[in-house]
N, C-alpha and C. Protein backbone atom coordinates (compact mmCIF):
# COMPACT_ATOMS: atom_id res chain seq x y z
N MET A 1 -13.84 24.69 27.15
CA MET A 1 -14.25 24.44 25.78
C MET A 1 -13.54 25.44 24.87
N LYS A 2 -13.06 24.96 23.74
CA LYS A 2 -12.31 25.80 22.82
C LYS A 2 -13.24 26.68 22.00
N THR A 3 -12.75 27.86 21.69
CA THR A 3 -13.53 28.77 20.87
C THR A 3 -13.51 28.29 19.43
N ALA A 4 -14.42 28.84 18.64
CA ALA A 4 -14.50 28.46 17.23
C ALA A 4 -13.21 28.82 16.49
N SER A 5 -12.64 29.96 16.82
CA SER A 5 -11.40 30.36 16.13
C SER A 5 -10.23 29.45 16.53
N ALA A 6 -10.20 29.02 17.80
CA ALA A 6 -9.16 28.10 18.23
C ALA A 6 -9.31 26.74 17.54
N GLN A 7 -10.54 26.28 17.39
CA GLN A 7 -10.81 25.03 16.68
C GLN A 7 -10.41 25.14 15.21
N ALA A 8 -10.72 26.29 14.60
CA ALA A 8 -10.37 26.50 13.20
C ALA A 8 -8.85 26.53 13.03
N GLY A 9 -8.16 27.16 13.96
CA GLY A 9 -6.71 27.19 13.92
C GLY A 9 -6.11 25.80 14.09
N ARG A 10 -6.70 25.03 14.97
CA ARG A 10 -6.24 23.65 15.19
C ARG A 10 -6.46 22.81 13.94
N ARG A 11 -7.61 23.01 13.32
CA ARG A 11 -7.92 22.27 12.09
C ARG A 11 -6.93 22.63 10.97
N LYS A 12 -6.61 23.91 10.84
CA LYS A 12 -5.65 24.35 9.83
C LYS A 12 -4.28 23.73 10.08
N ARG A 13 -3.88 23.71 11.35
CA ARG A 13 -2.58 23.11 11.69
C ARG A 13 -2.59 21.62 11.36
N PHE A 14 -3.67 20.96 11.69
CA PHE A 14 -3.78 19.53 11.39
C PHE A 14 -3.66 19.29 9.89
N ASP A 15 -4.39 20.08 9.11
CA ASP A 15 -4.34 19.93 7.65
C ASP A 15 -2.95 20.21 7.11
N ARG A 16 -2.28 21.22 7.65
CA ARG A 16 -0.96 21.62 7.17
C ARG A 16 0.12 20.61 7.57
N VAL A 17 0.01 20.07 8.76
CA VAL A 17 1.08 19.24 9.32
C VAL A 17 0.81 17.75 9.17
N VAL A 18 -0.42 17.34 9.37
CA VAL A 18 -0.74 15.92 9.43
C VAL A 18 -1.36 15.40 8.13
N ALA A 19 -2.38 16.04 7.66
CA ALA A 19 -3.13 15.52 6.52
C ALA A 19 -2.26 15.37 5.27
N VAL A 20 -1.28 16.22 5.10
CA VAL A 20 -0.41 16.13 3.92
C VAL A 20 0.47 14.88 3.96
N MET A 21 0.58 14.26 5.11
CA MET A 21 1.43 13.07 5.27
C MET A 21 0.65 11.76 5.07
N HIS A 22 -0.60 11.86 4.72
CA HIS A 22 -1.46 10.68 4.60
C HIS A 22 -0.86 9.62 3.69
N ALA A 23 -0.36 9.99 2.53
CA ALA A 23 0.19 9.00 1.58
C ALA A 23 1.41 8.29 2.18
N ASP A 24 2.29 9.03 2.83
CA ASP A 24 3.45 8.40 3.45
C ASP A 24 3.04 7.48 4.60
N MET A 25 2.05 7.89 5.35
CA MET A 25 1.56 7.07 6.45
C MET A 25 0.98 5.76 5.90
N TYR A 26 0.21 5.87 4.82
CA TYR A 26 -0.41 4.68 4.23
C TYR A 26 0.65 3.75 3.65
N ARG A 27 1.62 4.30 2.94
CA ARG A 27 2.67 3.48 2.35
C ARG A 27 3.44 2.73 3.45
N PHE A 28 3.78 3.42 4.51
CA PHE A 28 4.50 2.80 5.62
C PHE A 28 3.64 1.71 6.28
N ALA A 29 2.38 2.01 6.51
CA ALA A 29 1.48 1.04 7.13
C ALA A 29 1.30 -0.20 6.24
N THR A 30 1.27 0.00 4.94
CA THR A 30 1.13 -1.13 4.02
C THR A 30 2.35 -2.04 4.10
N TRP A 31 3.53 -1.44 4.15
CA TRP A 31 4.75 -2.26 4.27
C TRP A 31 4.81 -2.96 5.62
N LEU A 32 4.33 -2.33 6.66
CA LEU A 32 4.35 -2.96 7.98
C LEU A 32 3.35 -4.11 8.07
N SER A 33 2.15 -3.86 7.61
CA SER A 33 1.06 -4.83 7.78
C SER A 33 0.98 -5.86 6.66
N ARG A 34 1.53 -5.51 5.51
CA ARG A 34 1.48 -6.37 4.32
C ARG A 34 0.07 -6.50 3.75
N ASP A 35 -0.81 -5.59 4.11
CA ASP A 35 -2.20 -5.68 3.65
C ASP A 35 -2.78 -4.28 3.52
N PRO A 36 -3.20 -3.88 2.32
CA PRO A 36 -3.73 -2.52 2.12
C PRO A 36 -4.97 -2.22 2.97
N ALA A 37 -5.84 -3.20 3.18
CA ALA A 37 -7.04 -2.97 3.98
C ALA A 37 -6.67 -2.69 5.45
N ILE A 38 -5.76 -3.47 5.96
CA ILE A 38 -5.30 -3.25 7.33
C ILE A 38 -4.60 -1.90 7.42
N ALA A 39 -3.80 -1.59 6.41
CA ALA A 39 -3.09 -0.30 6.39
C ALA A 39 -4.08 0.86 6.45
N GLU A 40 -5.19 0.76 5.74
CA GLU A 40 -6.21 1.82 5.80
C GLU A 40 -6.74 1.98 7.21
N ASP A 41 -7.03 0.86 7.88
CA ASP A 41 -7.52 0.92 9.26
C ASP A 41 -6.48 1.53 10.19
N VAL A 42 -5.23 1.11 10.02
CA VAL A 42 -4.15 1.61 10.86
C VAL A 42 -3.98 3.11 10.67
N VAL A 43 -4.00 3.56 9.43
CA VAL A 43 -3.82 4.99 9.15
C VAL A 43 -5.01 5.79 9.69
N GLN A 44 -6.20 5.26 9.56
CA GLN A 44 -7.37 5.96 10.10
C GLN A 44 -7.25 6.12 11.62
N GLU A 45 -6.86 5.06 12.29
CA GLU A 45 -6.66 5.14 13.74
C GLU A 45 -5.52 6.09 14.09
N ALA A 46 -4.47 6.07 13.29
CA ALA A 46 -3.34 6.96 13.53
C ALA A 46 -3.74 8.41 13.34
N MET A 47 -4.56 8.69 12.34
CA MET A 47 -5.03 10.06 12.12
C MET A 47 -5.88 10.53 13.31
N LEU A 48 -6.73 9.66 13.82
CA LEU A 48 -7.54 10.01 14.99
C LEU A 48 -6.65 10.28 16.20
N ARG A 49 -5.67 9.43 16.41
CA ARG A 49 -4.76 9.61 17.53
C ARG A 49 -3.95 10.90 17.35
N ALA A 50 -3.54 11.20 16.12
CA ALA A 50 -2.80 12.43 15.85
C ALA A 50 -3.67 13.64 16.13
N TRP A 51 -4.94 13.59 15.75
CA TRP A 51 -5.85 14.70 16.01
C TRP A 51 -6.00 14.93 17.52
N LYS A 52 -6.19 13.83 18.25
CA LYS A 52 -6.38 13.95 19.69
C LYS A 52 -5.14 14.48 20.41
N SER A 53 -3.96 14.14 19.90
CA SER A 53 -2.74 14.54 20.59
C SER A 53 -1.93 15.59 19.80
N LEU A 54 -2.60 16.31 18.95
CA LEU A 54 -1.93 17.32 18.13
C LEU A 54 -1.18 18.35 18.98
N ASP A 55 -1.75 18.69 20.12
CA ASP A 55 -1.10 19.67 20.99
C ASP A 55 0.23 19.17 21.56
N ALA A 56 0.43 17.85 21.55
CA ALA A 56 1.69 17.28 22.04
C ALA A 56 2.83 17.48 21.04
N LEU A 57 2.48 17.76 19.79
CA LEU A 57 3.50 18.01 18.77
C LEU A 57 3.96 19.45 18.91
N ARG A 58 5.12 19.62 19.47
CA ARG A 58 5.64 20.96 19.75
C ARG A 58 6.34 21.59 18.55
N ASP A 59 6.95 20.75 17.72
CA ASP A 59 7.72 21.24 16.58
C ASP A 59 7.14 20.64 15.30
N ASP A 60 6.52 21.47 14.48
CA ASP A 60 5.89 20.97 13.27
C ASP A 60 6.88 20.31 12.32
N SER A 61 8.15 20.66 12.39
CA SER A 61 9.13 20.05 11.51
C SER A 61 9.39 18.58 11.88
N ALA A 62 8.98 18.17 13.06
CA ALA A 62 9.14 16.79 13.50
C ALA A 62 7.89 15.96 13.24
N ALA A 63 6.95 16.51 12.49
CA ALA A 63 5.66 15.86 12.29
C ALA A 63 5.77 14.51 11.60
N LYS A 64 6.61 14.40 10.59
CA LYS A 64 6.71 13.14 9.85
C LYS A 64 7.13 12.00 10.77
N GLN A 65 8.17 12.22 11.52
CA GLN A 65 8.63 11.17 12.44
C GLN A 65 7.58 10.87 13.50
N TRP A 66 6.96 11.90 14.02
CA TRP A 66 5.91 11.74 15.03
C TRP A 66 4.77 10.89 14.46
N LEU A 67 4.35 11.20 13.24
CA LEU A 67 3.24 10.47 12.62
C LEU A 67 3.60 9.02 12.32
N LEU A 68 4.81 8.79 11.82
CA LEU A 68 5.20 7.42 11.52
C LEU A 68 5.36 6.60 12.80
N THR A 69 5.72 7.23 13.88
CA THR A 69 5.75 6.55 15.17
C THR A 69 4.34 6.16 15.57
N ILE A 70 3.40 7.05 15.37
CA ILE A 70 2.00 6.74 15.68
C ILE A 70 1.52 5.58 14.81
N VAL A 71 1.84 5.60 13.51
CA VAL A 71 1.44 4.52 12.61
C VAL A 71 2.04 3.20 13.08
N ARG A 72 3.30 3.22 13.42
CA ARG A 72 3.98 2.01 13.88
C ARG A 72 3.30 1.45 15.13
N ARG A 73 2.96 2.31 16.06
CA ARG A 73 2.31 1.86 17.29
C ARG A 73 0.88 1.38 17.04
N GLU A 74 0.17 2.07 16.16
CA GLU A 74 -1.19 1.64 15.81
C GLU A 74 -1.17 0.28 15.12
N ASN A 75 -0.16 0.07 14.28
CA ASN A 75 -0.02 -1.23 13.61
C ASN A 75 0.19 -2.31 14.67
N ALA A 76 1.04 -2.06 15.64
CA ALA A 76 1.27 -3.03 16.71
C ALA A 76 -0.02 -3.28 17.49
N ARG A 77 -0.75 -2.22 17.80
CA ARG A 77 -2.03 -2.37 18.53
C ARG A 77 -3.01 -3.20 17.71
N TYR A 78 -3.06 -2.95 16.43
CA TYR A 78 -3.98 -3.70 15.57
C TYR A 78 -3.71 -5.20 15.66
N PHE A 79 -2.44 -5.57 15.58
CA PHE A 79 -2.10 -6.99 15.61
C PHE A 79 -2.16 -7.58 17.01
N GLU A 80 -2.11 -6.73 18.03
CA GLU A 80 -2.32 -7.22 19.40
C GLU A 80 -3.78 -7.58 19.60
N ARG A 81 -4.67 -6.80 18.98
CA ARG A 81 -6.11 -7.00 19.14
C ARG A 81 -6.65 -8.14 18.30
N LYS A 82 -6.05 -8.38 17.14
CA LYS A 82 -6.65 -9.32 16.20
C LYS A 82 -5.69 -10.45 15.87
N ARG A 83 -6.24 -11.61 15.74
CA ARG A 83 -5.51 -12.75 15.22
C ARG A 83 -5.95 -12.89 13.77
N LEU A 84 -5.05 -12.62 12.86
CA LEU A 84 -5.40 -12.61 11.46
C LEU A 84 -4.91 -13.87 10.76
N GLU A 85 -5.66 -14.24 9.73
CA GLU A 85 -5.24 -15.35 8.90
C GLU A 85 -4.02 -14.92 8.09
N THR A 86 -3.03 -15.77 8.04
CA THR A 86 -1.84 -15.43 7.26
C THR A 86 -2.04 -15.86 5.82
N VAL A 87 -1.34 -15.19 4.94
CA VAL A 87 -1.46 -15.45 3.52
C VAL A 87 -0.07 -15.75 2.97
N ASP A 88 0.05 -16.84 2.25
CA ASP A 88 1.32 -17.16 1.59
C ASP A 88 1.41 -16.30 0.35
N ILE A 89 2.41 -15.42 0.30
CA ILE A 89 2.47 -14.48 -0.81
C ILE A 89 2.76 -15.15 -2.14
N ASP A 90 3.21 -16.40 -2.12
CA ASP A 90 3.43 -17.13 -3.36
C ASP A 90 2.12 -17.61 -3.97
N ASN A 91 1.06 -17.61 -3.18
CA ASN A 91 -0.23 -18.12 -3.65
C ASN A 91 -1.32 -17.06 -3.63
N LEU A 92 -0.97 -15.81 -3.87
CA LEU A 92 -1.95 -14.74 -3.85
C LEU A 92 -2.89 -14.83 -5.05
N THR A 93 -4.14 -14.47 -4.81
CA THR A 93 -5.09 -14.36 -5.91
C THR A 93 -4.87 -13.02 -6.59
N ALA A 94 -5.50 -12.83 -7.72
CA ALA A 94 -5.33 -11.58 -8.46
C ALA A 94 -5.76 -10.38 -7.63
N SER A 95 -6.83 -10.52 -6.85
CA SER A 95 -7.30 -9.39 -6.04
C SER A 95 -6.35 -9.09 -4.88
N GLN A 96 -5.63 -10.09 -4.40
CA GLN A 96 -4.70 -9.89 -3.30
C GLN A 96 -3.34 -9.40 -3.78
N SER A 97 -3.06 -9.51 -5.05
CA SER A 97 -1.74 -9.14 -5.54
C SER A 97 -1.45 -7.66 -5.36
N ALA A 98 -2.47 -6.85 -5.13
CA ALA A 98 -2.25 -5.42 -4.87
C ALA A 98 -1.43 -5.23 -3.60
N MET A 99 -1.40 -6.25 -2.73
CA MET A 99 -0.59 -6.17 -1.52
C MET A 99 0.87 -5.95 -1.86
N LEU A 100 1.27 -6.41 -3.01
CA LEU A 100 2.65 -6.27 -3.42
C LEU A 100 2.87 -5.09 -4.34
N ALA A 101 1.82 -4.32 -4.61
CA ALA A 101 1.89 -3.18 -5.53
C ALA A 101 2.54 -3.63 -6.83
N GLU A 102 2.01 -4.71 -7.40
CA GLU A 102 2.63 -5.33 -8.56
C GLU A 102 2.63 -4.42 -9.77
N THR A 103 3.68 -4.56 -10.55
CA THR A 103 3.78 -3.93 -11.85
C THR A 103 4.18 -5.03 -12.82
N ASP A 104 4.40 -4.67 -14.07
CA ASP A 104 4.82 -5.65 -15.06
C ASP A 104 6.31 -5.96 -14.96
N ASP A 105 7.03 -5.31 -14.08
CA ASP A 105 8.46 -5.51 -13.92
C ASP A 105 8.70 -6.73 -13.03
N ALA A 106 9.15 -7.82 -13.64
CA ALA A 106 9.34 -9.08 -12.90
C ALA A 106 10.43 -8.95 -11.84
N GLN A 107 11.50 -8.23 -12.15
CA GLN A 107 12.58 -8.07 -11.17
C GLN A 107 12.10 -7.28 -9.96
N LEU A 108 11.37 -6.22 -10.19
CA LEU A 108 10.83 -5.42 -9.10
C LEU A 108 9.87 -6.27 -8.25
N ASP A 109 9.10 -7.09 -8.92
CA ASP A 109 8.18 -7.98 -8.22
C ASP A 109 8.94 -8.94 -7.31
N GLU A 110 10.04 -9.48 -7.79
CA GLU A 110 10.86 -10.39 -6.98
C GLU A 110 11.47 -9.67 -5.78
N VAL A 111 11.90 -8.43 -5.97
CA VAL A 111 12.47 -7.66 -4.85
C VAL A 111 11.39 -7.42 -3.80
N ARG A 112 10.21 -7.03 -4.23
CA ARG A 112 9.10 -6.80 -3.28
C ARG A 112 8.78 -8.06 -2.50
N LYS A 113 8.69 -9.18 -3.21
CA LYS A 113 8.38 -10.44 -2.53
C LYS A 113 9.47 -10.79 -1.51
N ALA A 114 10.72 -10.57 -1.90
CA ALA A 114 11.82 -10.87 -0.98
C ALA A 114 11.77 -9.96 0.24
N ILE A 115 11.44 -8.69 0.05
CA ILE A 115 11.33 -7.76 1.19
C ILE A 115 10.19 -8.19 2.10
N PHE A 116 9.06 -8.59 1.53
CA PHE A 116 7.94 -9.03 2.35
C PHE A 116 8.28 -10.28 3.15
N ARG A 117 9.18 -11.11 2.66
CA ARG A 117 9.57 -12.33 3.38
C ARG A 117 10.50 -12.05 4.56
N LEU A 118 11.11 -10.88 4.59
CA LEU A 118 12.01 -10.55 5.70
C LEU A 118 11.24 -10.48 7.01
N ASP A 119 11.90 -10.85 8.09
CA ASP A 119 11.31 -10.67 9.42
C ASP A 119 11.05 -9.19 9.64
N ASP A 120 10.06 -8.87 10.46
CA ASP A 120 9.71 -7.48 10.74
C ASP A 120 10.90 -6.66 11.21
N ASP A 121 11.75 -7.27 12.05
CA ASP A 121 12.90 -6.55 12.59
C ASP A 121 13.86 -6.08 11.50
N TYR A 122 13.87 -6.76 10.38
CA TYR A 122 14.75 -6.38 9.28
C TYR A 122 14.01 -5.56 8.22
N ARG A 123 12.76 -5.93 7.95
CA ARG A 123 11.98 -5.26 6.91
C ARG A 123 11.69 -3.80 7.28
N GLU A 124 11.33 -3.55 8.53
CA GLU A 124 10.93 -2.20 8.93
C GLU A 124 12.04 -1.16 8.75
N PRO A 125 13.25 -1.39 9.27
CA PRO A 125 14.28 -0.37 9.06
C PRO A 125 14.67 -0.23 7.59
N LEU A 126 14.62 -1.33 6.85
CA LEU A 126 14.96 -1.27 5.43
C LEU A 126 13.95 -0.40 4.67
N VAL A 127 12.67 -0.59 4.96
CA VAL A 127 11.63 0.21 4.32
C VAL A 127 11.77 1.68 4.72
N LEU A 128 12.02 1.91 6.00
CA LEU A 128 12.19 3.30 6.46
C LEU A 128 13.35 3.99 5.76
N GLN A 129 14.44 3.28 5.55
CA GLN A 129 15.60 3.90 4.93
C GLN A 129 15.44 4.02 3.41
N VAL A 130 15.12 2.91 2.76
CA VAL A 130 15.12 2.88 1.30
C VAL A 130 13.89 3.56 0.70
N LEU A 131 12.73 3.30 1.25
CA LEU A 131 11.51 3.84 0.66
C LEU A 131 11.09 5.19 1.26
N MET A 132 11.36 5.37 2.54
CA MET A 132 10.91 6.59 3.20
C MET A 132 12.01 7.63 3.32
N GLY A 133 13.26 7.24 3.09
CA GLY A 133 14.37 8.19 3.08
C GLY A 133 14.89 8.62 4.43
N TYR A 134 14.66 7.82 5.46
CA TYR A 134 15.12 8.17 6.80
C TYR A 134 16.59 7.83 6.99
N SER A 135 17.25 8.62 7.82
CA SER A 135 18.62 8.33 8.20
C SER A 135 18.59 7.25 9.30
N THR A 136 19.75 6.64 9.56
CA THR A 136 19.79 5.63 10.61
C THR A 136 19.48 6.23 11.98
N GLU A 137 19.88 7.46 12.18
CA GLU A 137 19.57 8.13 13.45
C GLU A 137 18.05 8.32 13.60
N GLU A 138 17.39 8.73 12.53
CA GLU A 138 15.94 8.91 12.58
C GLU A 138 15.22 7.58 12.77
N ILE A 139 15.72 6.55 12.13
CA ILE A 139 15.12 5.21 12.28
C ILE A 139 15.28 4.73 13.73
N ALA A 140 16.44 4.97 14.30
CA ALA A 140 16.66 4.58 15.70
C ALA A 140 15.67 5.28 16.61
N ASP A 141 15.46 6.57 16.39
CA ASP A 141 14.49 7.30 17.21
C ASP A 141 13.09 6.77 17.00
N LEU A 142 12.73 6.52 15.75
CA LEU A 142 11.39 6.05 15.42
C LEU A 142 11.11 4.67 16.00
N MET A 143 12.11 3.79 15.94
CA MET A 143 11.92 2.43 16.42
C MET A 143 12.28 2.26 17.89
N ASP A 144 12.79 3.33 18.49
CA ASP A 144 13.18 3.32 19.89
C ASP A 144 14.24 2.25 20.18
N ILE A 145 15.26 2.23 19.30
CA ILE A 145 16.41 1.36 19.48
C ILE A 145 17.67 2.17 19.23
N ARG A 146 18.82 1.61 19.55
CA ARG A 146 20.09 2.32 19.33
C ARG A 146 20.42 2.36 17.84
N GLN A 147 21.19 3.36 17.45
CA GLN A 147 21.58 3.51 16.06
C GLN A 147 22.42 2.31 15.59
N GLY A 148 23.24 1.79 16.47
CA GLY A 148 24.03 0.60 16.13
C GLY A 148 23.14 -0.59 15.80
N ALA A 149 22.04 -0.72 16.52
CA ALA A 149 21.10 -1.81 16.24
C ALA A 149 20.45 -1.63 14.88
N VAL A 150 20.16 -0.38 14.52
CA VAL A 150 19.59 -0.09 13.20
C VAL A 150 20.58 -0.50 12.12
N LEU A 151 21.84 -0.10 12.30
CA LEU A 151 22.87 -0.45 11.31
C LEU A 151 23.01 -1.97 11.17
N THR A 152 22.97 -2.67 12.29
CA THR A 152 23.06 -4.13 12.25
C THR A 152 21.87 -4.72 11.51
N ARG A 153 20.67 -4.25 11.81
CA ARG A 153 19.48 -4.78 11.15
C ARG A 153 19.49 -4.48 9.65
N LEU A 154 19.92 -3.28 9.29
CA LEU A 154 20.01 -2.95 7.87
C LEU A 154 21.02 -3.84 7.16
N HIS A 155 22.16 -4.05 7.79
CA HIS A 155 23.20 -4.92 7.22
C HIS A 155 22.67 -6.34 7.03
N ARG A 156 22.01 -6.85 8.05
CA ARG A 156 21.47 -8.21 7.97
C ARG A 156 20.35 -8.31 6.94
N ALA A 157 19.51 -7.28 6.85
CA ALA A 157 18.43 -7.28 5.85
C ALA A 157 19.01 -7.34 4.45
N ARG A 158 20.01 -6.52 4.20
CA ARG A 158 20.65 -6.52 2.88
C ARG A 158 21.32 -7.87 2.58
N ASN A 159 21.96 -8.43 3.58
CA ASN A 159 22.60 -9.73 3.39
C ASN A 159 21.56 -10.82 3.10
N LYS A 160 20.44 -10.77 3.80
CA LYS A 160 19.38 -11.75 3.56
C LYS A 160 18.83 -11.61 2.15
N LEU A 161 18.63 -10.37 1.70
CA LEU A 161 18.16 -10.15 0.34
C LEU A 161 19.20 -10.62 -0.68
N LYS A 162 20.45 -10.33 -0.40
CA LYS A 162 21.54 -10.75 -1.28
C LYS A 162 21.57 -12.28 -1.38
N ASP A 163 21.43 -12.96 -0.24
CA ASP A 163 21.42 -14.43 -0.23
C ASP A 163 20.26 -14.98 -1.05
N VAL A 164 19.11 -14.36 -0.92
CA VAL A 164 17.93 -14.80 -1.68
C VAL A 164 18.21 -14.72 -3.17
N PHE A 165 18.77 -13.60 -3.61
CA PHE A 165 18.98 -13.40 -5.04
C PHE A 165 20.16 -14.22 -5.56
N GLU A 166 21.17 -14.43 -4.73
CA GLU A 166 22.27 -15.29 -5.16
C GLU A 166 21.83 -16.74 -5.28
N SER A 167 21.02 -17.22 -4.34
CA SER A 167 20.53 -18.59 -4.43
C SER A 167 19.58 -18.75 -5.62
N GLU A 168 18.80 -17.73 -5.90
CA GLU A 168 17.91 -17.73 -7.05
C GLU A 168 18.72 -17.79 -8.35
N GLU A 169 19.81 -17.04 -8.36
CA GLU A 169 20.67 -17.01 -9.53
C GLU A 169 21.31 -18.38 -9.76
N LEU A 170 21.73 -19.03 -8.68
CA LEU A 170 22.31 -20.37 -8.79
C LEU A 170 21.30 -21.38 -9.31
N ARG A 171 20.07 -21.30 -8.84
CA ARG A 171 19.02 -22.20 -9.31
C ARG A 171 18.74 -22.00 -10.79
N ASN A 172 18.80 -20.75 -11.23
CA ASN A 172 18.53 -20.45 -12.64
C ASN A 172 19.66 -20.96 -13.55
N ARG A 173 20.86 -21.08 -13.02
CA ARG A 173 21.99 -21.57 -13.81
C ARG A 173 21.90 -23.09 -14.04
N ASP A 174 21.32 -23.77 -13.05
CA ASP A 174 21.27 -25.25 -13.12
C ASP A 174 20.25 -25.76 -14.07
């Protein structure tokens, strides 16, 4: 059994290394799950798992990647356990529109919708790079794939987004 001072030290480390990453964990979980409520559950489970395995984190500077890996795995576990009703993002109600973090910027709204329509294999590395600021090497480590695969997925994701906006532009011209 751990002493009170050891527990206090562990709690301080957790607060310093893990708790400060809560917003990033939530943002990543929201993009993965496409649902803020599910993201909250995923992050809560990830925080519990991080607390339980805090001693496994040997280098505090690697905490962000370690935590996002936990979030990614918890998200997968969540969807393995539950069969959820799917929602067509074109038909969201006002209360569900928070899933897209809507603003009054119509162009930004269209980009978000297009990103949400991407397959998970393309959306995840794109979100990690563009929104979370990860390098392709870090994304490869996080997703447990080769760096070349990350580059391919990023290239295809951008091409898919480009195709969406070019076809939209053509429709608007007609």
